[in-house]
Amino acid sequence: MNEPVPVTREVDHGTAKLMPDVDRERAWLLTVDGAPQSYVDLDEPAHLEFEYVRRLGHVLDTVAPPGRPVDALHLGGGALTLPRYLAATRPGSRQDVVERDGGLLDLVAEHLPLPAGAGVTSHTADARTWLEAAPDDSADVLVADVFGGSRVPAHLTSVAYVREAARVLRPGGVYLANLADAAPFAFLRSQLATLMTQFEELALIAEPGVLRGRRFGNAVLAAAHRPLDIAALSRATAADAFPARVEHGAALRDFAGGARPVRDEDAVPSPEPPEGAFGIG
């Protein structure tokens, strides 16, 4: 009688559905227009289900000593998976979440409420507009996981956007982005070139099959002005249930090749995924 049931609602930018996981008592999958957006376990907020989210989590584990609170800015909200993760693994962190779909935020707040004292504040706004108004040196980590449908919006791919992200981050801060592409990686290479205009250190984390050009998939980019803990990242991603590879240094510069940084006037969304690339069932 108390079994959870799916919830479907029209939100501002599509049809959202919350589906319970039959294998985990209080875990839910959020989809929008059929595409998976987030997975949340209310009893175990440190559980990360999606492969790319696990890789973002591995980087978050290295941005400061274990357990130390951070000030985090999340562009893209979904079901607040990573804010919940940071609240659980780094109690006392202060977090802002920027999500353009206010209806989606309302749905998540109603059915998947955050625990008391989580330290997470949600804002309904366009990610770049909010970022441009954010104070200088106000975040230790900035996570960009923004998709319009299944594509990263063009205005979040340019040097002007990355310059704003670098401004908002503190000198020791780390920028993280979830992107998606396939061989020949024109979009991913352009994003590397764009980040290189503002950040001295970069790392790319992806499943080997994606990097070999075998399939379309997610790639996590990390950027900072300070050295990233590549050894720790490599150990964590290699030992994960979904192993990934970390590229950095000269190999990553070679991968970027002759790609040019993206200007606002030339910016385009990330490529359209092939049919079924991110579907479920």
Protein backbone atom coordinates (compact mmCIF):
# COMPACT_ATOMS: atom_id res chain seq x y z
CA MET A 1 0.00 0.00 0.00
CA ASN A 2 2.94 2.35 0.60
CA GLU A 3 4.86 1.55 -2.57
CA PRO A 4 6.00 4.71 -4.38
CA VAL A 5 4.36 5.45 -7.70
CA PRO A 6 5.68 7.40 -10.70
CA VAL A 7 4.93 11.11 -10.88
CA THR A 8 4.46 12.89 -14.21
CA ARG A 9 4.15 16.67 -14.55
CA GLU A 10 4.38 19.28 -17.26
CA VAL A 11 7.17 21.66 -16.22
CA ASP A 12 8.40 24.83 -17.89
CA HIS A 13 10.52 23.09 -20.51
CA GLY A 14 9.01 19.68 -21.12
CA THR A 15 7.40 16.71 -19.42
CA ALA A 16 9.15 15.59 -16.25
CA LYS A 17 8.72 12.15 -14.77
CA LEU A 18 9.91 10.77 -11.43
CA MET A 19 10.18 6.99 -11.41
CA PRO A 20 10.97 4.93 -8.29
CA ASP A 21 13.82 2.44 -8.42
CA VAL A 22 12.48 -1.00 -7.53
CA ASP A 23 15.92 -2.02 -6.20
CA ARG A 24 16.47 0.89 -3.81
CA GLU A 25 13.71 1.82 -1.39
CA ARG A 26 13.81 5.64 -1.64
CA ALA A 27 15.66 6.15 -4.91
CA TRP A 28 14.24 7.98 -7.91
CA LEU A 29 15.08 8.58 -11.55
CA LEU A 30 14.15 11.93 -13.05
CA THR A 31 13.56 12.16 -16.80
CA VAL A 32 12.53 15.13 -18.92
CA ASP A 33 10.93 14.34 -22.26
CA GLY A 34 12.14 10.78 -21.82
CA ALA A 35 15.81 11.64 -21.37
CA PRO A 36 17.44 10.72 -18.03
CA GLN A 37 18.34 13.85 -16.05
CA SER A 38 19.11 12.79 -12.49
CA TYR A 39 19.13 9.88 -10.08
CA VAL A 40 18.71 10.46 -6.36
CA ASP A 41 18.71 8.10 -3.39
CA LEU A 42 17.13 10.01 -0.50
CA ASP A 43 18.56 7.57 2.06
CA GLU A 44 22.06 7.54 0.54
CA PRO A 45 22.78 10.95 -1.00
CA ALA A 46 26.41 9.97 -1.55
CA HIS A 47 25.31 7.22 -3.95
CA LEU A 48 25.94 8.36 -7.52
CA GLU A 49 24.28 6.19 -10.16
CA PHE A 50 25.12 7.78 -13.52
CA GLU A 51 28.61 7.21 -14.89
CA TYR A 52 29.37 10.86 -15.67
CA VAL A 53 28.04 11.99 -12.28
CA ARG A 54 30.37 9.53 -10.56
CA ARG A 55 33.26 11.16 -12.44
CA LEU A 56 32.15 14.62 -11.36
CA GLY A 57 32.00 13.24 -7.83
CA HIS A 58 35.58 11.94 -8.08
CA VAL A 59 36.77 15.46 -8.94
CA LEU A 60 34.69 17.00 -6.16
CA ASP A 61 36.39 14.62 -3.72
CA THR A 62 39.76 16.17 -4.63
CA VAL A 63 38.93 19.92 -4.61
CA ALA A 64 39.67 20.20 -0.86
CA PRO A 65 40.77 17.90 1.97
CA PRO A 66 38.12 15.26 2.81
CA GLY A 67 35.17 16.65 4.74
CA ARG A 68 36.14 20.30 4.39
CA PRO A 69 33.15 22.52 3.47
CA VAL A 70 33.24 24.38 0.17
CA ASP A 71 31.26 27.15 -1.49
CA ALA A 72 29.78 25.62 -4.64
CA LEU A 73 27.84 26.99 -7.59
CA HIS A 74 25.88 24.54 -9.74
CA LEU A 75 24.67 25.64 -13.16
CA GLY A 76 21.88 23.20 -13.94
CA GLY A 77 19.84 21.65 -11.18
CA GLY A 78 17.88 18.57 -12.15
CA ALA A 79 17.07 16.64 -8.98
CA LEU A 80 20.05 18.22 -7.14
CA THR A 81 22.14 15.05 -7.13
CA LEU A 82 25.54 16.72 -6.71
CA PRO A 83 24.36 19.35 -4.20
CA ARG A 84 23.05 16.45 -2.09
CA TYR A 85 26.38 14.66 -2.53
CA LEU A 86 28.40 17.66 -1.36
CA ALA A 87 26.05 18.28 1.56
CA ALA A 88 26.61 14.66 2.67
CA THR A 89 30.37 14.43 2.05
CA ARG A 90 31.26 18.02 2.98
CA PRO A 91 28.77 19.11 5.67
CA GLY A 92 28.54 22.87 6.14
CA SER A 93 29.11 23.63 2.47
CA ARG A 94 27.22 26.60 1.05
CA GLN A 95 25.70 25.88 -2.34
CA ASP A 96 23.77 27.81 -4.97
CA VAL A 97 21.90 25.98 -7.72
CA VAL A 98 20.81 27.81 -10.88
CA GLU A 99 18.09 26.09 -12.92
CA ARG A 100 16.05 27.80 -15.63
CA ASP A 101 13.06 25.47 -15.15
CA GLY A 102 11.25 26.71 -12.06
CA GLY A 103 8.54 24.07 -12.50
CA LEU A 104 11.17 21.36 -12.33
CA LEU A 105 12.62 22.84 -9.15
CA ASP A 106 9.12 22.89 -7.63
CA LEU A 107 8.55 19.25 -8.55
CA VAL A 108 11.85 18.18 -6.99
CA ALA A 109 11.24 20.25 -3.83
CA GLU A 110 7.81 18.66 -3.42
CA HIS A 111 8.70 15.01 -4.00
CA LEU A 112 12.45 14.84 -3.27
CA PRO A 113 12.97 17.43 -0.51
CA LEU A 114 16.44 18.27 0.70
CA PRO A 115 17.26 17.42 4.31
CA ALA A 116 17.07 20.22 6.86
CA GLY A 117 20.25 22.27 7.02
CA ALA A 118 21.55 21.11 3.65
CA GLY A 119 22.82 24.61 2.87
CA VAL A 120 21.48 24.58 -0.70
CA THR A 121 19.72 27.60 -2.23
CA SER A 122 17.96 27.23 -5.59
CA HIS A 123 17.48 30.03 -8.11
CA THR A 124 15.25 30.03 -11.19
CA ALA A 125 17.33 31.83 -13.82
CA ASP A 126 19.35 31.46 -16.99
CA ALA A 127 22.77 30.09 -16.06
CA ARG A 128 24.87 32.70 -17.84
CA THR A 129 22.71 35.63 -16.77
CA TRP A 130 23.01 34.54 -13.14
CA LEU A 131 26.74 33.90 -13.49
CA GLU A 132 27.36 37.37 -14.92
CA ALA A 133 25.77 38.93 -11.82
CA ALA A 134 27.58 36.70 -9.32
CA PRO A 135 30.32 38.24 -7.11
CA ASP A 136 34.02 37.88 -7.89
CA ASP A 137 35.94 35.14 -6.06
CA SER A 138 32.79 33.70 -4.51
CA ALA A 139 33.03 29.96 -5.29
CA ASP A 140 35.47 27.15 -4.60
CA VAL A 141 33.89 24.95 -7.24
CA LEU A 142 31.62 25.63 -10.21
CA VAL A 143 29.78 22.71 -11.80
CA ALA A 144 28.23 23.26 -15.24
CA ASP A 145 25.76 20.53 -16.18
CA VAL A 146 23.31 22.45 -18.34
CA PHE A 147 21.40 20.95 -21.24
CA GLY A 148 18.63 22.46 -23.30
CA GLY A 149 16.91 19.23 -24.24
CA SER A 150 19.93 17.02 -24.92
CA ARG A 151 22.38 19.75 -26.00
CA VAL A 152 24.59 22.22 -24.15
CA PRO A 153 23.25 25.71 -25.01
CA ALA A 154 25.49 27.76 -27.30
CA HIS A 155 25.81 30.72 -24.91
CA LEU A 156 27.51 28.43 -22.36
CA THR A 157 30.35 27.46 -24.70
CA SER A 158 32.23 30.69 -25.42
CA VAL A 159 35.30 32.49 -24.12
CA ALA A 160 33.06 35.23 -22.71
CA TYR A 161 31.16 32.64 -20.66
CA VAL A 162 34.35 30.92 -19.47
CA ARG A 163 35.79 34.31 -18.50
CA GLU A 164 32.80 34.85 -16.20
CA ALA A 165 33.28 31.41 -14.66
CA ALA A 166 36.97 32.14 -14.00
CA ARG A 167 36.04 35.48 -12.43
CA VAL A 168 33.54 33.90 -10.02
CA LEU A 169 35.94 31.17 -8.95
CA ARG A 170 38.50 31.82 -6.23
CA PRO A 171 42.18 31.49 -7.19
CA GLY A 172 42.25 27.88 -5.97
CA GLY A 173 38.83 27.03 -7.38
CA VAL A 174 37.93 24.29 -9.85
CA TYR A 175 35.58 24.48 -12.84
CA LEU A 176 33.76 21.30 -13.87
CA ALA A 177 31.67 20.71 -16.97
CA ASN A 178 29.68 17.78 -18.28
CA LEU A 179 29.78 17.72 -22.08
CA ALA A 180 28.83 15.16 -24.72
CA ASP A 181 30.37 14.50 -28.13
CA ALA A 182 31.65 11.84 -30.50
CA ALA A 183 34.53 11.48 -32.94
CA PRO A 184 35.98 13.58 -34.51
CA PHE A 185 35.26 15.60 -31.32
CA ALA A 186 34.99 19.02 -32.93
CA PHE A 187 32.84 20.33 -30.06
CA LEU A 188 34.94 18.81 -27.27
CA ARG A 189 38.19 20.09 -28.81
CA SER A 190 36.72 23.59 -29.17
CA GLN A 191 35.73 23.54 -25.50
CA LEU A 192 39.24 22.56 -24.49
CA ALA A 193 40.65 25.42 -26.54
CA THR A 194 38.13 27.79 -24.98
CA LEU A 195 38.97 26.74 -21.41
CA MET A 196 42.68 27.05 -22.16
CA THR A 197 42.21 30.79 -22.68
CA GLN A 198 41.34 31.22 -18.99
CA PHE A 199 42.74 28.23 -17.07
CA GLU A 200 46.27 26.88 -16.77
CA GLU A 201 45.42 23.30 -15.76
CA LEU A 202 42.95 21.01 -17.48
CA ALA A 203 41.90 17.37 -17.29
CA LEU A 204 39.46 15.32 -19.31
CA ILE A 205 37.73 12.24 -17.89
CA ALA A 206 35.84 9.86 -20.17
CA GLU A 207 35.14 6.21 -20.82
CA PRO A 208 37.86 4.74 -23.06
CA GLY A 209 35.37 3.70 -25.74
CA VAL A 210 34.23 7.31 -26.09
CA LEU A 211 37.80 8.59 -26.37
CA ARG A 212 38.57 5.96 -29.01
CA GLY A 213 35.67 7.24 -31.07
CA ARG A 214 33.56 4.12 -30.74
CA ARG A 215 30.42 5.85 -29.48
CA PHE A 216 28.79 9.13 -28.51
CA GLY A 217 29.11 9.83 -24.80
CA ASN A 218 29.81 12.13 -21.90
CA ALA A 219 33.14 13.73 -21.09
CA VAL A 220 33.91 15.58 -17.87
CA LEU A 221 36.27 18.55 -18.12
CA ALA A 222 38.03 19.96 -15.06
CA ALA A 223 39.90 23.27 -15.16
CA ALA A 224 41.85 25.26 -12.57
CA HIS A 225 44.69 27.70 -12.06
CA ARG A 226 46.42 25.22 -9.76
CA PRO A 227 47.61 21.66 -10.36
CA LEU A 228 44.81 19.12 -10.25
CA ASP A 229 45.34 15.89 -8.31
CA ILE A 230 45.70 13.75 -11.42
CA ALA A 231 47.05 10.76 -9.50
CA ALA A 232 44.04 10.64 -7.17
CA LEU A 233 41.63 11.17 -10.06
CA SER A 234 43.27 8.43 -12.10
CA ARG A 235 43.09 5.96 -9.22
CA ALA A 236 39.45 6.75 -8.47
CA THR A 237 38.26 6.61 -12.06
CA ALA A 238 40.20 3.44 -12.87
CA ALA A 239 38.81 1.66 -9.81
CA ASP A 240 35.22 2.78 -10.43
CA ALA A 241 32.50 0.32 -11.38
CA PHE A 242 32.48 2.20 -14.70
CA PRO A 243 36.22 2.71 -15.39
CA ALA A 244 37.32 5.88 -17.12
CA ARG A 245 40.54 7.43 -18.34
CA VAL A 246 42.05 10.75 -17.31
CA GLU A 247 43.85 12.79 -19.97
CA HIS A 248 45.92 15.85 -19.06
CA GLY A 249 49.08 17.75 -19.88
CA ALA A 250 50.73 17.32 -23.26
CA ALA A 251 48.40 14.48 -24.28
CA LEU A 252 45.38 16.70 -23.74
CA ARG A 253 46.94 19.58 -25.63
CA ASP A 254 47.64 17.19 -28.49
CA PHE A 255 44.02 16.02 -28.37
CA ALA A 256 42.81 19.64 -28.64
CA GLY A 257 45.03 20.00 -31.70
CA GLY A 258 44.43 23.17 -33.68
CA ALA A 259 40.95 23.82 -32.33
CA ARG A 260 40.09 27.48 -31.93
CA PRO A 261 38.45 29.13 -28.91
CA VAL A 262 34.74 29.83 -29.37
CA ARG A 263 33.52 33.42 -29.68
CA ASP A 264 29.97 34.38 -28.76
CA GLU A 265 29.21 35.19 -32.39
CA ASP A 266 30.40 31.74 -33.51
CA ALA A 267 28.97 29.67 -30.66
CA VAL A 268 26.75 26.67 -31.43
CA PRO A 269 25.10 24.09 -29.14
CA SER A 270 26.77 20.75 -28.53
CA PRO A 271 25.96 18.11 -31.16
CA GLU A 272 22.63 16.34 -31.22
CA PRO A 273 22.98 12.86 -29.70
CA PRO A 274 22.16 9.96 -31.98
CA GLU A 275 18.78 8.31 -31.46
CA GLY A 276 18.73 6.37 -28.20
CA ALA A 277 22.14 7.58 -26.99
CA PHE A 278 20.78 8.68 -23.62
CA GLY A 279 17.47 6.92 -23.56
CA ILE A 280 16.27 4.39 -21.01
CA GLY A 281 14.74 0.99 -21.37
